[in-house]
Amino acid sequence: MIISSYLNLYKLICPIYDFGLILYFRYIMNNYIKENEDKLYLQNFPIKIGNSLPSKYETEKGEFLFDSFYQNYFLKMFNDAEKIIIYLTPFVIGINLDIILFYDESEIIKKINYE
């Protein structure tokens, strides 16, 4: 058990393991979005999940290009997190989350509650 614990600790510190965690998170987030593409963000906040996509993944008719988003943006490494990733993270991992946003002038820390 001790050797196994040290091996797990080493994996946590190893940079390759970090990429593995990021890829795994993107995989479970991708599955969550696919399962909920046509749903609302929250019942008390009636905005479709697709409205959080970057604007280039929405047509003029109001249709969302989820497949294009997955292939051309979301599943590629070294892209910044978009609104959809930030706002759905608490639902994917099942916890309340405080997020520090450096680009939003109104609030630096946003509290996103898992419901």
N, C-alpha and C. Protein backbone atom coordinates (compact mmCIF):
# COMPACT_ATOMS: atom_id res chain seq x y z
N MET A 1 0.82 -1.20 0.00
CA MET A 1 0.00 0.00 0.00
C MET A 1 0.87 1.27 0.00
N ILE A 2 1.97 1.26 0.75
CA ILE A 2 2.82 2.45 0.83
C ILE A 2 3.45 2.74 -0.53
N ILE A 3 3.96 1.72 -1.20
CA ILE A 3 4.57 1.92 -2.51
C ILE A 3 3.53 2.42 -3.50
N SER A 4 2.34 1.87 -3.44
CA SER A 4 1.25 2.33 -4.32
C SER A 4 0.92 3.79 -4.05
N SER A 5 0.91 4.18 -2.77
CA SER A 5 0.62 5.58 -2.42
C SER A 5 1.68 6.52 -2.96
N TYR A 6 2.95 6.14 -2.85
CA TYR A 6 4.03 6.97 -3.38
C TYR A 6 3.95 7.07 -4.90
N LEU A 7 3.60 5.97 -5.53
CA LEU A 7 3.46 5.98 -6.99
C LEU A 7 2.34 6.92 -7.41
N ASN A 8 1.23 6.90 -6.71
CA ASN A 8 0.13 7.81 -7.02
C ASN A 8 0.52 9.26 -6.78
N LEU A 9 1.26 9.53 -5.71
CA LEU A 9 1.74 10.89 -5.45
C LEU A 9 2.66 11.35 -6.57
N TYR A 10 3.55 10.49 -7.03
CA TYR A 10 4.44 10.84 -8.14
C TYR A 10 3.63 11.18 -9.39
N LYS A 11 2.60 10.41 -9.67
CA LYS A 11 1.77 10.67 -10.84
C LYS A 11 1.08 12.03 -10.74
N LEU A 12 0.71 12.43 -9.53
CA LEU A 12 0.07 13.73 -9.35
C LEU A 12 1.02 14.88 -9.66
N ILE A 13 2.29 14.67 -9.39
CA ILE A 13 3.27 15.72 -9.59
C ILE A 13 3.77 15.76 -11.04
N CYS A 14 3.73 14.66 -11.70
CA CYS A 14 4.27 14.52 -13.06
C CYS A 14 3.47 15.36 -14.06
N PRO A 15 4.14 16.18 -14.90
CA PRO A 15 3.43 17.04 -15.86
C PRO A 15 2.58 16.26 -16.86
N ILE A 16 3.01 15.09 -17.27
CA ILE A 16 2.23 14.30 -18.21
C ILE A 16 0.90 13.92 -17.58
N TYR A 17 0.92 13.67 -16.30
CA TYR A 17 -0.31 13.34 -15.58
C TYR A 17 -1.27 14.53 -15.59
N ASP A 18 -0.72 15.74 -15.51
CA ASP A 18 -1.55 16.95 -15.59
C ASP A 18 -2.33 16.98 -16.90
N PHE A 19 -1.65 16.70 -18.00
CA PHE A 19 -2.33 16.67 -19.29
C PHE A 19 -3.40 15.58 -19.31
N GLY A 20 -3.11 14.46 -18.66
CA GLY A 20 -4.10 13.40 -18.57
C GLY A 20 -5.35 13.85 -17.83
N LEU A 21 -5.18 14.60 -16.75
CA LEU A 21 -6.32 15.14 -16.02
C LEU A 21 -7.12 16.11 -16.88
N ILE A 22 -6.43 16.96 -17.62
CA ILE A 22 -7.10 17.93 -18.49
C ILE A 22 -7.89 17.20 -19.58
N LEU A 23 -7.26 16.21 -20.19
CA LEU A 23 -7.96 15.45 -21.23
C LEU A 23 -9.16 14.71 -20.67
N TYR A 24 -9.00 14.12 -19.48
CA TYR A 24 -10.13 13.42 -18.87
C TYR A 24 -11.26 14.40 -18.56
N PHE A 25 -10.95 15.57 -18.03
CA PHE A 25 -11.98 16.57 -17.74
C PHE A 25 -12.68 17.00 -19.02
N ARG A 26 -11.91 17.22 -20.09
CA ARG A 26 -12.53 17.60 -21.36
C ARG A 26 -13.44 16.49 -21.87
N TYR A 27 -13.04 15.25 -21.66
CA TYR A 27 -13.86 14.11 -22.09
C TYR A 27 -15.19 14.09 -21.33
N ILE A 28 -15.14 14.22 -20.00
CA ILE A 28 -16.40 14.16 -19.25
C ILE A 28 -17.25 15.41 -19.49
N MET A 29 -16.60 16.56 -19.71
CA MET A 29 -17.34 17.77 -20.04
C MET A 29 -17.99 17.62 -21.42
N ASN A 30 -17.27 17.06 -22.37
CA ASN A 30 -17.80 16.82 -23.71
C ASN A 30 -19.05 15.93 -23.63
N ASN A 31 -18.99 14.88 -22.85
CA ASN A 31 -20.15 13.99 -22.69
C ASN A 31 -21.32 14.72 -22.05
N TYR A 32 -21.04 15.54 -21.04
CA TYR A 32 -22.10 16.29 -20.36
C TYR A 32 -22.79 17.24 -21.33
N ILE A 33 -22.01 17.97 -22.11
CA ILE A 33 -22.59 18.92 -23.05
C ILE A 33 -23.43 18.18 -24.09
N LYS A 34 -22.90 17.07 -24.61
CA LYS A 34 -23.64 16.30 -25.61
C LYS A 34 -24.98 15.83 -25.07
N GLU A 35 -25.00 15.39 -23.82
CA GLU A 35 -26.25 14.89 -23.21
C GLU A 35 -27.24 16.01 -22.93
N ASN A 36 -26.77 17.25 -22.85
CA ASN A 36 -27.63 18.37 -22.44
C ASN A 36 -27.69 19.50 -23.46
N GLU A 37 -27.37 19.24 -24.71
CA GLU A 37 -27.31 20.29 -25.74
C GLU A 37 -28.60 21.10 -25.85
N ASP A 38 -29.74 20.47 -25.72
CA ASP A 38 -31.01 21.16 -25.92
C ASP A 38 -31.66 21.63 -24.63
N LYS A 39 -30.94 21.56 -23.52
CA LYS A 39 -31.52 21.92 -22.23
C LYS A 39 -31.17 23.35 -21.84
N LEU A 40 -31.85 23.81 -20.80
CA LEU A 40 -31.57 25.14 -20.25
C LEU A 40 -30.42 25.06 -19.25
N TYR A 41 -29.75 26.19 -19.07
CA TYR A 41 -28.63 26.25 -18.12
C TYR A 41 -29.14 25.98 -16.70
N LEU A 42 -30.14 26.72 -16.25
CA LEU A 42 -30.81 26.51 -14.97
C LEU A 42 -32.29 26.74 -15.15
N GLN A 43 -33.10 26.15 -14.31
CA GLN A 43 -34.54 26.39 -14.39
C GLN A 43 -34.88 27.85 -14.10
N ASN A 44 -34.15 28.44 -13.13
CA ASN A 44 -34.43 29.83 -12.78
C ASN A 44 -33.61 30.82 -13.62
N PHE A 45 -32.86 30.33 -14.58
CA PHE A 45 -32.08 31.15 -15.50
C PHE A 45 -32.26 30.56 -16.89
N PRO A 46 -33.41 30.84 -17.53
CA PRO A 46 -33.81 30.13 -18.75
C PRO A 46 -33.02 30.50 -20.00
N ILE A 47 -31.75 30.15 -20.02
CA ILE A 47 -30.89 30.36 -21.17
C ILE A 47 -30.43 28.97 -21.62
N LYS A 48 -30.48 28.72 -22.91
CA LYS A 48 -30.01 27.43 -23.42
C LYS A 48 -28.51 27.29 -23.23
N ILE A 49 -28.07 26.08 -23.01
CA ILE A 49 -26.64 25.82 -22.85
C ILE A 49 -25.88 26.30 -24.09
N GLY A 50 -26.46 26.13 -25.26
CA GLY A 50 -25.81 26.55 -26.50
C GLY A 50 -25.51 28.04 -26.58
N ASN A 51 -26.25 28.84 -25.82
CA ASN A 51 -25.99 30.28 -25.82
C ASN A 51 -24.64 30.63 -25.19
N SER A 52 -24.03 29.67 -24.50
CA SER A 52 -22.72 29.89 -23.90
C SER A 52 -21.58 29.56 -24.85
N LEU A 53 -21.91 29.01 -26.00
CA LEU A 53 -20.87 28.71 -26.99
C LEU A 53 -20.28 30.01 -27.52
N PRO A 54 -19.03 29.98 -27.99
CA PRO A 54 -18.49 31.15 -28.67
C PRO A 54 -19.39 31.52 -29.85
N SER A 55 -19.47 32.79 -30.17
CA SER A 55 -20.43 33.27 -31.18
C SER A 55 -20.23 32.63 -32.56
N LYS A 56 -19.03 32.23 -32.89
CA LYS A 56 -18.82 31.64 -34.22
C LYS A 56 -19.42 30.24 -34.34
N TYR A 57 -19.89 29.68 -33.24
CA TYR A 57 -20.54 28.37 -33.27
C TYR A 57 -22.06 28.47 -33.14
N GLU A 58 -22.59 29.63 -33.53
CA GLU A 58 -24.03 29.83 -33.59
C GLU A 58 -24.36 30.46 -34.93
N THR A 59 -25.38 29.92 -35.60
CA THR A 59 -25.77 30.44 -36.90
C THR A 59 -26.68 31.65 -36.73
N GLU A 60 -26.92 32.35 -37.83
CA GLU A 60 -27.82 33.51 -37.80
C GLU A 60 -29.25 33.10 -37.48
N LYS A 61 -29.60 31.84 -37.73
CA LYS A 61 -30.93 31.33 -37.44
C LYS A 61 -31.08 30.89 -35.98
N GLY A 62 -30.02 31.04 -35.20
CA GLY A 62 -30.08 30.65 -33.79
C GLY A 62 -29.80 29.18 -33.53
N GLU A 63 -29.24 28.49 -34.51
CA GLU A 63 -28.87 27.09 -34.34
C GLU A 63 -27.45 27.02 -33.80
N PHE A 64 -27.18 26.00 -33.01
CA PHE A 64 -25.87 25.86 -32.39
C PHE A 64 -25.07 24.78 -33.10
N LEU A 65 -23.81 25.05 -33.36
CA LEU A 65 -22.92 24.13 -34.07
C LEU A 65 -22.04 23.39 -33.06
N PHE A 66 -22.68 22.52 -32.28
CA PHE A 66 -21.96 21.80 -31.23
C PHE A 66 -20.85 20.91 -31.80
N ASP A 67 -21.13 20.16 -32.85
CA ASP A 67 -20.13 19.25 -33.41
C ASP A 67 -18.89 19.99 -33.86
N SER A 68 -19.08 21.12 -34.49
CA SER A 68 -17.94 21.94 -34.92
C SER A 68 -17.17 22.46 -33.71
N PHE A 69 -17.88 22.86 -32.66
CA PHE A 69 -17.24 23.33 -31.43
C PHE A 69 -16.39 22.22 -30.82
N TYR A 70 -16.93 21.00 -30.74
CA TYR A 70 -16.17 19.89 -30.15
C TYR A 70 -14.90 19.62 -30.94
N GLN A 71 -15.02 19.53 -32.25
CA GLN A 71 -13.89 19.14 -33.08
C GLN A 71 -12.86 20.25 -33.27
N ASN A 72 -13.31 21.47 -33.43
CA ASN A 72 -12.39 22.55 -33.79
C ASN A 72 -11.89 23.37 -32.60
N TYR A 73 -12.52 23.22 -31.45
CA TYR A 73 -12.10 24.05 -30.32
C TYR A 73 -11.95 23.24 -29.04
N PHE A 74 -13.03 22.65 -28.60
CA PHE A 74 -13.07 22.10 -27.25
C PHE A 74 -12.11 20.94 -27.02
N LEU A 75 -12.00 20.04 -27.97
CA LEU A 75 -11.17 18.86 -27.77
C LEU A 75 -9.72 19.08 -28.18
N LYS A 76 -9.33 20.31 -28.43
CA LYS A 76 -7.94 20.64 -28.76
C LYS A 76 -7.26 21.25 -27.54
N MET A 77 -6.03 20.88 -27.33
CA MET A 77 -5.28 21.38 -26.18
C MET A 77 -4.84 22.83 -26.42
N PHE A 78 -4.57 23.52 -25.32
CA PHE A 78 -4.01 24.87 -25.29
C PHE A 78 -4.98 25.94 -25.80
N ASN A 79 -6.27 25.70 -25.66
CA ASN A 79 -7.28 26.73 -25.93
C ASN A 79 -7.78 27.26 -24.60
N ASP A 80 -8.07 28.55 -24.55
CA ASP A 80 -8.60 29.13 -23.33
C ASP A 80 -9.99 28.59 -23.05
N ALA A 81 -10.36 28.61 -21.79
CA ALA A 81 -11.70 28.16 -21.40
C ALA A 81 -12.73 29.19 -21.83
N GLU A 82 -13.76 28.75 -22.48
CA GLU A 82 -14.85 29.62 -22.90
C GLU A 82 -15.94 29.62 -21.83
N LYS A 83 -16.93 30.50 -21.99
CA LYS A 83 -18.02 30.61 -21.01
C LYS A 83 -18.68 29.27 -20.74
N ILE A 84 -18.89 28.49 -21.79
CA ILE A 84 -19.60 27.23 -21.62
C ILE A 84 -18.83 26.29 -20.69
N ILE A 85 -17.52 26.31 -20.77
CA ILE A 85 -16.70 25.45 -19.91
C ILE A 85 -16.73 25.96 -18.48
N ILE A 86 -16.60 27.26 -18.32
CA ILE A 86 -16.59 27.85 -16.98
C ILE A 86 -17.91 27.63 -16.27
N TYR A 87 -19.01 27.90 -16.94
CA TYR A 87 -20.30 27.85 -16.28
C TYR A 87 -20.86 26.44 -16.11
N LEU A 88 -20.37 25.47 -16.87
CA LEU A 88 -20.87 24.10 -16.70
C LEU A 88 -19.99 23.23 -15.80
N THR A 89 -18.80 23.69 -15.48
CA THR A 89 -17.89 22.90 -14.65
C THR A 89 -18.51 22.45 -13.32
N PRO A 90 -19.21 23.32 -12.56
CA PRO A 90 -19.80 22.85 -11.30
C PRO A 90 -20.80 21.71 -11.50
N PHE A 91 -21.50 21.68 -12.62
CA PHE A 91 -22.48 20.63 -12.89
C PHE A 91 -21.79 19.33 -13.25
N VAL A 92 -20.67 19.42 -13.93
CA VAL A 92 -19.94 18.22 -14.36
C VAL A 92 -19.27 17.55 -13.16
N ILE A 93 -18.66 18.36 -12.28
CA ILE A 93 -17.96 17.76 -11.14
C ILE A 93 -18.81 17.72 -9.87
N GLY A 94 -19.98 18.35 -9.90
CA GLY A 94 -20.94 18.23 -8.82
C GLY A 94 -20.61 18.98 -7.54
N ILE A 95 -20.01 20.17 -7.67
CA ILE A 95 -19.69 20.97 -6.49
C ILE A 95 -19.98 22.45 -6.76
N ASN A 96 -20.13 23.24 -5.69
CA ASN A 96 -20.17 24.69 -5.83
C ASN A 96 -18.74 25.16 -6.09
N LEU A 97 -18.61 26.23 -6.85
CA LEU A 97 -17.29 26.63 -7.28
C LEU A 97 -17.17 28.14 -7.28
N ASP A 98 -16.05 28.66 -6.79
CA ASP A 98 -15.71 30.07 -6.92
C ASP A 98 -14.65 30.17 -8.02
N ILE A 99 -14.92 31.00 -9.01
CA ILE A 99 -14.03 31.12 -10.16
C ILE A 99 -13.49 32.54 -10.21
N ILE A 100 -12.19 32.67 -10.38
CA ILE A 100 -11.56 33.99 -10.51
C ILE A 100 -11.47 34.30 -11.99
N LEU A 101 -12.13 35.40 -12.39
CA LEU A 101 -12.12 35.83 -13.78
C LEU A 101 -11.32 37.13 -13.88
N PHE A 102 -10.30 37.13 -14.70
CA PHE A 102 -9.45 38.30 -14.83
C PHE A 102 -9.94 39.27 -15.90
N TYR A 103 -10.84 38.84 -16.76
CA TYR A 103 -11.28 39.69 -17.86
C TYR A 103 -12.61 40.38 -17.59
N ASP A 104 -13.30 40.00 -16.53
CA ASP A 104 -14.61 40.57 -16.23
C ASP A 104 -14.42 41.72 -15.25
N GLU A 105 -14.83 42.90 -15.63
CA GLU A 105 -14.61 44.08 -14.79
C GLU A 105 -15.63 44.21 -13.67
N SER A 106 -16.79 43.57 -13.81
CA SER A 106 -17.83 43.74 -12.79
C SER A 106 -17.53 42.93 -11.53
N GLU A 107 -17.13 41.70 -11.68
CA GLU A 107 -16.81 40.86 -10.53
C GLU A 107 -15.54 40.08 -10.84
N ILE A 108 -14.64 40.04 -9.88
CA ILE A 108 -13.43 39.25 -10.08
C ILE A 108 -13.71 37.79 -9.72
N ILE A 109 -14.43 37.57 -8.63
CA ILE A 109 -14.76 36.21 -8.22
C ILE A 109 -16.24 35.97 -8.45
N LYS A 110 -16.54 34.94 -9.21
CA LYS A 110 -17.92 34.56 -9.46
C LYS A 110 -18.22 33.29 -8.70
N LYS A 111 -19.32 33.27 -8.01
CA LYS A 111 -19.75 32.06 -7.31
C LYS A 111 -20.74 31.34 -8.21
N ILE A 112 -20.39 30.15 -8.59
CA ILE A 112 -21.27 29.35 -9.44
C ILE A 112 -21.74 28.18 -8.61
N ASN A 113 -23.04 28.12 -8.39
CA ASN A 113 -23.60 27.08 -7.54
C ASN A 113 -24.12 25.92 -8.35
N TYR A 114 -23.79 24.75 -7.87
CA TYR A 114 -24.26 23.50 -8.46
C TYR A 114 -25.67 23.24 -7.96
N GLU A 115 -26.61 23.02 -8.89
CA GLU A 115 -28.00 22.74 -8.50
C GLU A 115 -28.44 21.44 -9.14
